[in-house]
Amino acid sequence: LDDDKLTYFGASYGTKLGATYADLFPERSGRLVLDGAVDVSLTSKELS
């Protein structure tokens, strides 16, 4: 897209995807909205 930084809106699981992106590519992470957030630190049982 020829964007220097990513502008992103992620909902639900899209927040996990967005958080993963920001962690992998912090220098490319621009304006990110993570709406309906998933706690990426939880175990499968804790999520359930």
All heavy atoms as atom14 arrays in JSON, in Angstrom:
{
  "sequence": "LDDDKLTYFGASYGTKLGATYADLFPERSGRLVLDGAVDVSLTSKELS",
  "atom14_mask": [
    [1, 1, 1, 1, 1, 1, 1, 1, 0, 0, 0, 0, 0, 0],
    [1, 1, 1, 1, 1, 1, 1, 1, 0, 0, 0, 0, 0, 0],
    [1, 1, 1, 1, 1, 1, 1, 1, 0, 0, 0, 0, 0, 0],
    [1, 1, 1, 1, 1, 1, 1, 1, 0, 0, 0, 0, 0, 0],
    [1, 1, 1, 1, 1, 1, 1, 1, 1, 0, 0, 0, 0, 0],
    [1, 1, 1, 1, 1, 1, 1, 1, 0, 0, 0, 0, 0, 0],
    [1, 1, 1, 1, 1, 1, 1, 0, 0, 0, 0, 0, 0, 0],
    [1, 1, 1, 1, 1, 1, 1, 1, 1, 1, 1, 1, 0, 0],
    [1, 1, 1, 1, 1, 1, 1, 1, 1, 1, 1, 0, 0, 0],
    [1, 1, 1, 1, 0, 0, 0, 0, 0, 0, 0, 0, 0, 0],
    [1, 1, 1, 1, 1, 0, 0, 0, 0, 0, 0, 0, 0, 0],
    [1, 1, 1, 1, 1, 1, 0, 0, 0, 0, 0, 0, 0, 0],
    [1, 1, 1, 1, 1, 1, 1, 1, 1, 1, 1, 1, 0, 0],
    [1, 1, 1, 1, 0, 0, 0, 0, 0, 0, 0, 0, 0, 0],
    [1, 1, 1, 1, 1, 1, 1, 0, 0, 0, 0, 0, 0, 0],
    [1, 1, 1, 1, 1, 1, 1, 1, 1, 0, 0, 0, 0, 0],
    [1, 1, 1, 1, 1, 1, 1, 1, 0, 0, 0, 0, 0, 0],
    [1, 1, 1, 1, 0, 0, 0, 0, 0, 0, 0, 0, 0, 0],
    [1, 1, 1, 1, 1, 0, 0, 0, 0, 0, 0, 0, 0, 0],
    [1, 1, 1, 1, 1, 1, 1, 0, 0, 0, 0, 0, 0, 0],
    [1, 1, 1, 1, 1, 1, 1, 1, 1, 1, 1, 1, 0, 0],
    [1, 1, 1, 1, 1, 0, 0, 0, 0, 0, 0, 0, 0, 0],
    [1, 1, 1, 1, 1, 1, 1, 1, 0, 0, 0, 0, 0, 0],
    [1, 1, 1, 1, 1, 1, 1, 1, 0, 0, 0, 0, 0, 0],
    [1, 1, 1, 1, 1, 1, 1, 1, 1, 1, 1, 0, 0, 0],
    [1, 1, 1, 1, 1, 1, 1, 0, 0, 0, 0, 0, 0, 0],
    [1, 1, 1, 1, 1, 1, 1, 1, 1, 0, 0, 0, 0, 0],
    [1, 1, 1, 1, 1, 1, 1, 1, 1, 1, 1, 0, 0, 0],
    [1, 1, 1, 1, 1, 1, 0, 0, 0, 0, 0, 0, 0, 0],
    [1, 1, 1, 1, 0, 0, 0, 0, 0, 0, 0, 0, 0, 0],
    [1, 1, 1, 1, 1, 1, 1, 1, 1, 1, 1, 0, 0, 0],
    [1, 1, 1, 1, 1, 1, 1, 1, 0, 0, 0, 0, 0, 0],
    [1, 1, 1, 1, 1, 1, 1, 0, 0, 0, 0, 0, 0, 0],
    [1, 1, 1, 1, 1, 1, 1, 1, 0, 0, 0, 0, 0, 0],
    [1, 1, 1, 1, 1, 1, 1, 1, 0, 0, 0, 0, 0, 0],
    [1, 1, 1, 1, 0, 0, 0, 0, 0, 0, 0, 0, 0, 0],
    [1, 1, 1, 1, 1, 0, 0, 0, 0, 0, 0, 0, 0, 0],
    [1, 1, 1, 1, 1, 1, 1, 0, 0, 0, 0, 0, 0, 0],
    [1, 1, 1, 1, 1, 1, 1, 1, 0, 0, 0, 0, 0, 0],
    [1, 1, 1, 1, 1, 1, 1, 0, 0, 0, 0, 0, 0, 0],
    [1, 1, 1, 1, 1, 1, 0, 0, 0, 0, 0, 0, 0, 0],
    [1, 1, 1, 1, 1, 1, 1, 1, 0, 0, 0, 0, 0, 0],
    [1, 1, 1, 1, 1, 1, 1, 0, 0, 0, 0, 0, 0, 0],
    [1, 1, 1, 1, 1, 1, 0, 0, 0, 0, 0, 0, 0, 0],
    [1, 1, 1, 1, 1, 1, 1, 1, 1, 0, 0, 0, 0, 0],
    [1, 1, 1, 1, 1, 1, 1, 1, 1, 0, 0, 0, 0, 0],
    [1, 1, 1, 1, 1, 1, 1, 1, 0, 0, 0, 0, 0, 0],
    [1, 1, 1, 1, 1, 1, 0, 0, 0, 0, 0, 0, 0, 0]
  ],
  "atom14_positions": [
    [[0.82, -1.21, 0.0], [0.0, 0.0, 0.0], [0.86, 1.26, 0.0], [0.34, 2.37, -0.08], [-0.92, 0.01, 1.23], [-2.04, -1.04, 1.25], [-2.71, -1.09, 2.63], [-3.08, -0.76, 0.17], [0.0, 0.0, 0.0], [0.0, 0.0, 0.0], [0.0, 0.0, 0.0], [0.0, 0.0, 0.0], [0.0, 0.0, 0.0], [0.0, 0.0, 0.0]],
    [[2.16, 1.08, 0.15], [3.13, 2.18, 0.17], [2.93, 3.08, 1.38], [3.12, 4.29, 1.32], [3.05, 3.01, -1.12], [4.42, 3.59, -1.51], [5.44, 3.03, -1.08], [4.44, 4.61, -2.23], [0.0, 0.0, 0.0], [0.0, 0.0, 0.0], [0.0, 0.0, 0.0], [0.0, 0.0, 0.0], [0.0, 0.0, 0.0], [0.0, 0.0, 0.0]],
    [[2.56, 2.46, 2.49], [2.39, 3.2, 3.75], [3.61, 2.99, 4.63], [4.03, 1.85, 4.86], [1.14, 2.72, 4.5], [-0.15, 3.22, 3.87], [-0.08, 4.16, 3.05], [-1.22, 2.68, 4.2], [0.0, 0.0, 0.0], [0.0, 0.0, 0.0], [0.0, 0.0, 0.0], [0.0, 0.0, 0.0], [0.0, 0.0, 0.0], [0.0, 0.0, 0.0]],
    [[4.14, 4.09, 5.12], [5.3, 4.0, 6.0], [4.96, 3.27, 7.29], [5.76, 2.5, 7.83], [5.82, 5.41, 6.31], [7.17, 5.39, 6.99], [8.04, 4.62, 6.56], [7.34, 6.15, 7.97], [0.0, 0.0, 0.0], [0.0, 0.0, 0.0], [0.0, 0.0, 0.0], [0.0, 0.0, 0.0], [0.0, 0.0, 0.0], [0.0, 0.0, 0.0]],
    [[3.74, 3.54, 7.8], [3.27, 2.88, 9.01], [1.84, 2.38, 8.78], [1.09, 2.96, 7.99], [3.31, 3.83, 10.21], [4.72, 4.21, 10.63], [4.73, 4.92, 11.98], [6.16, 5.18, 12.44], [6.21, 5.74, 13.81], [0.0, 0.0, 0.0], [0.0, 0.0, 0.0], [0.0, 0.0, 0.0], [0.0, 0.0, 0.0], [0.0, 0.0, 0.0]],
    [[1.5, 1.31, 9.48], [0.18, 0.71, 9.36], [-0.85, 1.49, 10.17], [-0.63, 1.79, 11.34], [0.22, -0.74, 9.85], [-1.12, -1.5, 9.82], [-1.5, -1.84, 8.39], [-1.02, -2.77, 10.67], [0.0, 0.0, 0.0], [0.0, 0.0, 0.0], [0.0, 0.0, 0.0], [0.0, 0.0, 0.0], [0.0, 0.0, 0.0], [0.0, 0.0, 0.0]],
    [[-1.97, 1.81, 9.55], [-3.14, 2.33, 10.25], [-4.19, 1.21, 10.23], [-4.52, 0.69, 9.17], [-3.69, 3.59, 9.57], [-2.64, 4.58, 9.5], [-4.85, 4.17, 10.36], [0.0, 0.0, 0.0], [0.0, 0.0, 0.0], [0.0, 0.0, 0.0], [0.0, 0.0, 0.0], [0.0, 0.0, 0.0], [0.0, 0.0, 0.0], [0.0, 0.0, 0.0]],
    [[-4.72, 0.88, 11.41], [-5.44, -0.4, 11.53], [-6.57, -0.29, 12.53], [-6.45, 0.35, 13.58], [-4.43, -1.46, 12.0], [-5.0, -2.82, 12.3], [-5.29, -3.73, 11.29], [-5.2, -3.23, 13.62], [-5.78, -5.0, 11.58], [-5.69, -4.5, 13.92], [-5.99, -5.38, 12.88], [-6.46, -6.63, 13.18], [0.0, 0.0, 0.0], [0.0, 0.0, 0.0]],
    [[-7.68, -0.97, 12.18], [-8.79, -1.15, 13.11], [-9.08, -2.64, 13.18], [-9.49, -3.25, 12.18], [-10.04, -0.39, 12.63], [-11.2, -0.47, 13.59], [-11.48, 0.58, 14.45], [-12.01, -1.6, 13.63], [-12.55, 0.5, 15.34], [-13.07, -1.68, 14.52], [-13.34, -0.63, 15.38], [0.0, 0.0, 0.0], [0.0, 0.0, 0.0], [0.0, 0.0, 0.0]],
    [[-8.88, -3.22, 14.36], [-9.14, -4.64, 14.55], [-10.17, -4.85, 15.64], [-10.08, -4.23, 16.71], [0.0, 0.0, 0.0], [0.0, 0.0, 0.0], [0.0, 0.0, 0.0], [0.0, 0.0, 0.0], [0.0, 0.0, 0.0], [0.0, 0.0, 0.0], [0.0, 0.0, 0.0], [0.0, 0.0, 0.0], [0.0, 0.0, 0.0], [0.0, 0.0, 0.0]],
    [[-11.15, -5.7, 15.38], [-12.19, -6.0, 16.36], [-12.06, -7.44, 16.82], [-11.71, -8.33, 16.04], [-13.58, -5.77, 15.74], [0.0, 0.0, 0.0], [0.0, 0.0, 0.0], [0.0, 0.0, 0.0], [0.0, 0.0, 0.0], [0.0, 0.0, 0.0], [0.0, 0.0, 0.0], [0.0, 0.0, 0.0], [0.0, 0.0, 0.0], [0.0, 0.0, 0.0]],
    [[-12.33, -7.68, 18.09], [-12.36, -9.02, 18.65], [-11.02, -9.72, 18.43], [-9.99, -9.21, 18.85], [-13.54, -9.79, 18.04], [-13.86, -10.92, 18.81], [0.0, 0.0, 0.0], [0.0, 0.0, 0.0], [0.0, 0.0, 0.0], [0.0, 0.0, 0.0], [0.0, 0.0, 0.0], [0.0, 0.0, 0.0], [0.0, 0.0, 0.0], [0.0, 0.0, 0.0]],
    [[-11.01, -10.9, 17.77], [-9.72, -11.54, 17.47], [-8.8, -10.6, 16.71], [-7.57, -10.72, 16.8], [-9.96, -12.82, 16.66], [-8.73, -13.3, 15.93], [-7.75, -14.04, 16.59], [-8.53, -12.98, 14.58], [-6.61, -14.46, 15.92], [-7.4, -13.4, 13.91], [-6.44, -14.14, 14.58], [-5.3, -14.55, 13.91], [0.0, 0.0, 0.0], [0.0, 0.0, 0.0]],
    [[-9.36, -9.66, 15.96], [-8.54, -8.68, 15.25], [-7.65, -7.88, 16.18], [-6.64, -7.31, 15.75], [0.0, 0.0, 0.0], [0.0, 0.0, 0.0], [0.0, 0.0, 0.0], [0.0, 0.0, 0.0], [0.0, 0.0, 0.0], [0.0, 0.0, 0.0], [0.0, 0.0, 0.0], [0.0, 0.0, 0.0], [0.0, 0.0, 0.0], [0.0, 0.0, 0.0]],
    [[-8.0, -7.83, 17.48], [-7.13, -7.15, 18.44], [-5.89, -7.99, 18.73], [-4.8, -7.45, 18.93], [-7.87, -6.86, 19.76], [-8.21, -8.1, 20.42], [-9.15, -6.08, 19.52], [0.0, 0.0, 0.0], [0.0, 0.0, 0.0], [0.0, 0.0, 0.0], [0.0, 0.0, 0.0], [0.0, 0.0, 0.0], [0.0, 0.0, 0.0], [0.0, 0.0, 0.0]],
    [[-6.05, -9.3, 18.76], [-4.88, -10.18, 18.93], [-3.96, -10.06, 17.72], [-2.74, -9.97, 17.86], [-5.35, -11.62, 19.1], [-4.21, -12.62, 19.24], [-4.73, -14.05, 19.38], [-3.59, -15.06, 19.48], [-4.11, -16.46, 19.62], [0.0, 0.0, 0.0], [0.0, 0.0, 0.0], [0.0, 0.0, 0.0], [0.0, 0.0, 0.0], [0.0, 0.0, 0.0]],
    [[-4.56, -10.02, 16.54], [-3.77, -9.84, 15.32], [-3.04, -8.51, 15.33], [-1.86, -8.43, 14.99], [-4.69, -9.96, 14.11], [-4.06, -9.82, 12.73], [-2.98, -10.87, 12.51], [-5.14, -9.93, 11.64], [0.0, 0.0, 0.0], [0.0, 0.0, 0.0], [0.0, 0.0, 0.0], [0.0, 0.0, 0.0], [0.0, 0.0, 0.0], [0.0, 0.0, 0.0]],
    [[-3.74, -7.45, 15.73], [-3.13, -6.13, 15.77], [-2.03, -6.03, 16.82], [-0.97, -5.42, 16.58], [0.0, 0.0, 0.0], [0.0, 0.0, 0.0], [0.0, 0.0, 0.0], [0.0, 0.0, 0.0], [0.0, 0.0, 0.0], [0.0, 0.0, 0.0], [0.0, 0.0, 0.0], [0.0, 0.0, 0.0], [0.0, 0.0, 0.0], [0.0, 0.0, 0.0]],
    [[-2.26, -6.59, 18.0], [-1.24, -6.57, 19.05], [-0.01, -7.36, 18.62], [1.13, -6.96, 18.9], [-1.81, -7.15, 20.34], [0.0, 0.0, 0.0], [0.0, 0.0, 0.0], [0.0, 0.0, 0.0], [0.0, 0.0, 0.0], [0.0, 0.0, 0.0], [0.0, 0.0, 0.0], [0.0, 0.0, 0.0], [0.0, 0.0, 0.0], [0.0, 0.0, 0.0]],
    [[-0.23, -8.48, 17.94], [0.88, -9.28, 17.43], [1.68, -8.48, 16.41], [2.92, -8.5, 16.41], [0.37, -10.59, 16.82], [-0.36, -11.32, 17.81], [1.51, -11.45, 16.3], [0.0, 0.0, 0.0], [0.0, 0.0, 0.0], [0.0, 0.0, 0.0], [0.0, 0.0, 0.0], [0.0, 0.0, 0.0], [0.0, 0.0, 0.0], [0.0, 0.0, 0.0]],
    [[0.97, -7.77, 15.53], [1.66, -6.94, 14.55], [2.5, -5.87, 15.24], [3.68, -5.67, 14.88], [0.66, -6.27, 13.6], [1.35, -5.37, 12.59], [1.8, -5.9, 11.39], [1.59, -4.03, 12.87], [2.48, -5.1, 10.48], [2.27, -3.23, 11.96], [2.71, -3.76, 10.77], [3.4, -2.98, 9.89], [0.0, 0.0, 0.0], [0.0, 0.0, 0.0]],
    [[1.92, -5.17, 16.2], [2.64, -4.1, 16.88], [3.87, -4.63, 17.6], [4.88, -3.92, 17.72], [1.72, -3.39, 17.87], [0.0, 0.0, 0.0], [0.0, 0.0, 0.0], [0.0, 0.0, 0.0], [0.0, 0.0, 0.0], [0.0, 0.0, 0.0], [0.0, 0.0, 0.0], [0.0, 0.0, 0.0], [0.0, 0.0, 0.0], [0.0, 0.0, 0.0]],
    [[3.81, -5.86, 18.08], [4.95, -6.45, 18.76], [6.03, -6.89, 17.77], [7.23, -6.74, 18.05], [4.48, -7.65, 19.58], [5.5, -8.11, 20.6], [5.88, -7.3, 21.47], [5.94, -9.28, 20.52], [0.0, 0.0, 0.0], [0.0, 0.0, 0.0], [0.0, 0.0, 0.0], [0.0, 0.0, 0.0], [0.0, 0.0, 0.0], [0.0, 0.0, 0.0]],
    [[5.61, -7.43, 16.62], [6.57, -7.87, 15.61], [7.2, -6.69, 14.86], [8.38, -6.73, 14.51], [5.87, -8.78, 14.59], [5.52, -10.2, 15.02], [4.63, -10.85, 13.96], [6.78, -11.03, 15.22], [0.0, 0.0, 0.0], [0.0, 0.0, 0.0], [0.0, 0.0, 0.0], [0.0, 0.0, 0.0], [0.0, 0.0, 0.0], [0.0, 0.0, 0.0]],
    [[6.41, -5.65, 14.61], [6.85, -4.53, 13.79], [6.57, -3.19, 14.49], [5.8, -2.37, 13.97], [6.14, -4.57, 12.43], [6.3, -5.85, 11.67], [5.29, -6.8, 11.67], [7.46, -6.12, 10.97], [5.42, -7.99, 10.98], [7.62, -7.31, 10.27], [6.6, -8.25, 10.28], [0.0, 0.0, 0.0], [0.0, 0.0, 0.0], [0.0, 0.0, 0.0]],
    [[7.15, -2.95, 15.65], [6.82, -1.72, 16.38], [7.16, -0.45, 15.6], [6.44, 0.55, 15.69], [7.66, -1.84, 17.65], [8.74, -2.81, 17.33], [8.14, -3.77, 16.36], [0.0, 0.0, 0.0], [0.0, 0.0, 0.0], [0.0, 0.0, 0.0], [0.0, 0.0, 0.0], [0.0, 0.0, 0.0], [0.0, 0.0, 0.0], [0.0, 0.0, 0.0]],
    [[8.22, -0.5, 14.79], [8.61, 0.69, 14.04], [7.68, 0.96, 12.87], [7.66, 2.06, 12.31], [10.05, 0.54, 13.54], [10.24, -0.41, 12.38], [10.16, -1.9, 12.77], [10.05, -2.21, 13.98], [10.19, -2.74, 11.84], [0.0, 0.0, 0.0], [0.0, 0.0, 0.0], [0.0, 0.0, 0.0], [0.0, 0.0, 0.0], [0.0, 0.0, 0.0]],
    [[6.88, -0.03, 12.5], [5.91, 0.13, 11.41], [4.49, 0.27, 11.94], [3.55, 0.39, 11.15], [5.98, -1.09, 10.48], [7.31, -1.27, 9.76], [7.61, -0.09, 8.89], [8.76, -0.34, 8.0], [9.32, 0.57, 7.24], [8.85, 1.82, 7.25], [10.34, 0.28, 6.47], [0.0, 0.0, 0.0], [0.0, 0.0, 0.0], [0.0, 0.0, 0.0]],
    [[4.33, 0.27, 13.24], [3.02, 0.34, 13.86], [2.62, 1.79, 14.06], [3.24, 2.52, 14.84], [3.06, -0.4, 15.21], [1.82, -0.33, 15.86], [0.0, 0.0, 0.0], [0.0, 0.0, 0.0], [0.0, 0.0, 0.0], [0.0, 0.0, 0.0], [0.0, 0.0, 0.0], [0.0, 0.0, 0.0], [0.0, 0.0, 0.0], [0.0, 0.0, 0.0]],
    [[1.58, 2.23, 13.34], [1.13, 3.61, 13.42], [-0.07, 3.75, 14.34], [0.0, 3.45, 15.53], [0.0, 0.0, 0.0], [0.0, 0.0, 0.0], [0.0, 0.0, 0.0], [0.0, 0.0, 0.0], [0.0, 0.0, 0.0], [0.0, 0.0, 0.0], [0.0, 0.0, 0.0], [0.0, 0.0, 0.0], [0.0, 0.0, 0.0], [0.0, 0.0, 0.0]],
    [[-1.19, 4.16, 13.79], [-2.41, 4.34, 14.57], [-3.2, 3.03, 14.56], [-3.79, 2.68, 13.55], [-3.23, 5.5, 14.01], [-2.44, 6.79, 13.92], [-3.18, 7.87, 13.14], [-2.3, 8.99, 12.86], [-2.62, 10.03, 12.08], [-3.82, 10.07, 11.5], [-1.75, 11.0, 11.88], [0.0, 0.0, 0.0], [0.0, 0.0, 0.0], [0.0, 0.0, 0.0]],
    [[-3.21, 2.35, 15.68], [-3.88, 1.07, 15.8], [-4.99, 1.14, 16.84], [-4.74, 1.57, 17.97], [-2.89, -0.03, 16.19], [-2.13, -0.77, 15.08], [-1.27, 0.19, 14.26], [-1.26, -1.87, 15.67], [0.0, 0.0, 0.0], [0.0, 0.0, 0.0], [0.0, 0.0, 0.0], [0.0, 0.0, 0.0], [0.0, 0.0, 0.0], [0.0, 0.0, 0.0]],
    [[-6.19, 0.72, 16.45], [-7.31, 0.61, 17.38], [-7.63, -0.88, 17.57], [-7.86, -1.59, 16.6], [-8.56, 1.34, 16.85], [-9.76, 1.08, 17.76], [-8.29, 2.84, 16.75], [0.0, 0.0, 0.0], [0.0, 0.0, 0.0], [0.0, 0.0, 0.0], [0.0, 0.0, 0.0], [0.0, 0.0, 0.0], [0.0, 0.0, 0.0], [0.0, 0.0, 0.0]],
    [[-7.63, -1.32, 18.82], [-7.91, -2.71, 19.16], [-9.19, -2.72, 19.98], [-9.19, -2.43, 21.17], [-6.74, -3.31, 19.95], [-5.34, -3.1, 19.34], [-4.28, -3.77, 20.21], [-5.28, -3.63, 17.91], [0.0, 0.0, 0.0], [0.0, 0.0, 0.0], [0.0, 0.0, 0.0], [0.0, 0.0, 0.0], [0.0, 0.0, 0.0], [0.0, 0.0, 0.0]],
    [[-10.3, -3.05, 19.33], [-11.64, -2.89, 19.91], [-12.26, -4.26, 20.23], [-12.42, -5.1, 19.35], [-12.53, -2.14, 18.91], [-13.89, -1.79, 19.48], [-14.11, -2.0, 20.69], [-14.74, -1.3, 18.71], [0.0, 0.0, 0.0], [0.0, 0.0, 0.0], [0.0, 0.0, 0.0], [0.0, 0.0, 0.0], [0.0, 0.0, 0.0], [0.0, 0.0, 0.0]],
    [[-12.65, -4.44, 21.5], [-13.14, -5.74, 21.94], [-11.95, -6.65, 22.17], [-11.81, -7.7, 21.54], [0.0, 0.0, 0.0], [0.0, 0.0, 0.0], [0.0, 0.0, 0.0], [0.0, 0.0, 0.0], [0.0, 0.0, 0.0], [0.0, 0.0, 0.0], [0.0, 0.0, 0.0], [0.0, 0.0, 0.0], [0.0, 0.0, 0.0], [0.0, 0.0, 0.0]],
    [[-11.09, -6.25, 23.1], [-9.74, -6.79, 23.18], [-9.68, -8.21, 23.73], [-10.39, -8.58, 24.66], [-8.86, -5.88, 24.04], [0.0, 0.0, 0.0], [0.0, 0.0, 0.0], [0.0, 0.0, 0.0], [0.0, 0.0, 0.0], [0.0, 0.0, 0.0], [0.0, 0.0, 0.0], [0.0, 0.0, 0.0], [0.0, 0.0, 0.0], [0.0, 0.0, 0.0]],
    [[-8.77, -8.99, 23.15], [-8.42, -10.32, 23.63], [-7.19, -10.2, 24.51], [-6.2, -9.56, 24.12], [-8.14, -11.28, 22.46], [-7.7, -12.65, 22.98], [-9.36, -11.41, 21.56], [0.0, 0.0, 0.0], [0.0, 0.0, 0.0], [0.0, 0.0, 0.0], [0.0, 0.0, 0.0], [0.0, 0.0, 0.0], [0.0, 0.0, 0.0], [0.0, 0.0, 0.0]],
    [[-7.23, -10.79, 25.68], [-6.06, -10.81, 26.57], [-5.11, -11.89, 26.06], [-5.36, -13.09, 26.24], [-6.5, -11.1, 28.0], [-5.35, -11.03, 29.0], [-4.18, -11.03, 28.56], [-5.62, -11.0, 30.22], [0.0, 0.0, 0.0], [0.0, 0.0, 0.0], [0.0, 0.0, 0.0], [0.0, 0.0, 0.0], [0.0, 0.0, 0.0], [0.0, 0.0, 0.0]],
    [[-4.03, -11.47, 25.43], [-3.12, -12.42, 24.78], [-2.27, -13.2, 25.77], [-1.54, -14.11, 25.37], [-2.21, -11.68, 23.78], [-3.02, -11.1, 22.64], [-1.39, -10.59, 24.47], [0.0, 0.0, 0.0], [0.0, 0.0, 0.0], [0.0, 0.0, 0.0], [0.0, 0.0, 0.0], [0.0, 0.0, 0.0], [0.0, 0.0, 0.0], [0.0, 0.0, 0.0]],
    [[-2.37, -12.89, 27.06], [-1.56, -13.59, 28.05], [-2.27, -14.79, 28.67], [-1.66, -15.57, 29.4], [-1.16, -12.62, 29.18], [-2.27, -12.29, 29.99], [0.0, 0.0, 0.0], [0.0, 0.0, 0.0], [0.0, 0.0, 0.0], [0.0, 0.0, 0.0], [0.0, 0.0, 0.0], [0.0, 0.0, 0.0], [0.0, 0.0, 0.0], [0.0, 0.0, 0.0]],
    [[-3.56, -14.97, 28.39], [-4.35, -15.98, 29.08], [-4.16, -17.37, 28.49], [-3.92, -17.53, 27.28], [-5.83, -15.62, 29.03], [-6.25, -14.33, 29.74], [-7.75, -14.15, 29.63], [-5.82, -14.34, 31.2], [0.0, 0.0, 0.0], [0.0, 0.0, 0.0], [0.0, 0.0, 0.0], [0.0, 0.0, 0.0], [0.0, 0.0, 0.0], [0.0, 0.0, 0.0]],
    [[-4.32, -18.38, 29.33], [-4.33, -19.76, 28.87], [-5.68, -20.06, 28.22], [-6.65, -19.28, 28.36], [-4.12, -20.73, 30.03], [-5.25, -20.62, 30.93], [-2.84, -20.42, 30.79], [0.0, 0.0, 0.0], [0.0, 0.0, 0.0], [0.0, 0.0, 0.0], [0.0, 0.0, 0.0], [0.0, 0.0, 0.0], [0.0, 0.0, 0.0], [0.0, 0.0, 0.0]],
    [[-5.77, -21.19, 27.53], [-7.04, -21.55, 26.89], [-8.15, -21.71, 27.92], [-9.3, -21.33, 27.67], [-6.88, -22.82, 26.06], [-6.42, -23.89, 26.88], [0.0, 0.0, 0.0], [0.0, 0.0, 0.0], [0.0, 0.0, 0.0], [0.0, 0.0, 0.0], [0.0, 0.0, 0.0], [0.0, 0.0, 0.0], [0.0, 0.0, 0.0], [0.0, 0.0, 0.0]],
    [[-7.83, -22.25, 29.09], [-8.84, -22.4, 30.12], [-9.3, -21.04, 30.63], [-10.51, -20.81, 30.83], [-8.31, -23.23, 31.29], [-9.34, -23.43, 32.4], [-8.8, -24.25, 33.57], [-9.85, -24.4, 34.66], [-9.34, -25.18, 35.82], [0.0, 0.0, 0.0], [0.0, 0.0, 0.0], [0.0, 0.0, 0.0], [0.0, 0.0, 0.0], [0.0, 0.0, 0.0]],
    [[-8.38, -20.14, 30.84], [-8.74, -18.8, 31.32], [-9.59, -18.06, 30.3], [-10.54, -17.35, 30.67], [-7.47, -18.01, 31.65], [-6.74, -18.52, 32.88], [-5.35, -17.93, 33.04], [-4.75, -17.52, 32.01], [-4.85, -17.89, 34.18], [0.0, 0.0, 0.0], [0.0, 0.0, 0.0], [0.0, 0.0, 0.0], [0.0, 0.0, 0.0], [0.0, 0.0, 0.0]],
    [[-9.27, -18.23, 29.02], [-10.09, -17.62, 27.98], [-11.51, -18.2, 27.99], [-12.5, -17.46, 27.88], [-9.45, -17.84, 26.61], [-8.17, -17.05, 26.31], [-7.5, -17.6, 25.06], [-8.46, -15.57, 26.15], [0.0, 0.0, 0.0], [0.0, 0.0, 0.0], [0.0, 0.0, 0.0], [0.0, 0.0, 0.0], [0.0, 0.0, 0.0], [0.0, 0.0, 0.0]],
    [[-11.61, -19.52, 28.15], [-12.92, -20.16, 28.16], [-13.75, -19.72, 29.37], [-14.95, -19.45, 29.24], [-12.76, -21.68, 28.17], [-12.16, -22.13, 26.98], [0.0, 0.0, 0.0], [0.0, 0.0, 0.0], [0.0, 0.0, 0.0], [0.0, 0.0, 0.0], [0.0, 0.0, 0.0], [0.0, 0.0, 0.0], [0.0, 0.0, 0.0], [0.0, 0.0, 0.0]]
  ]
}
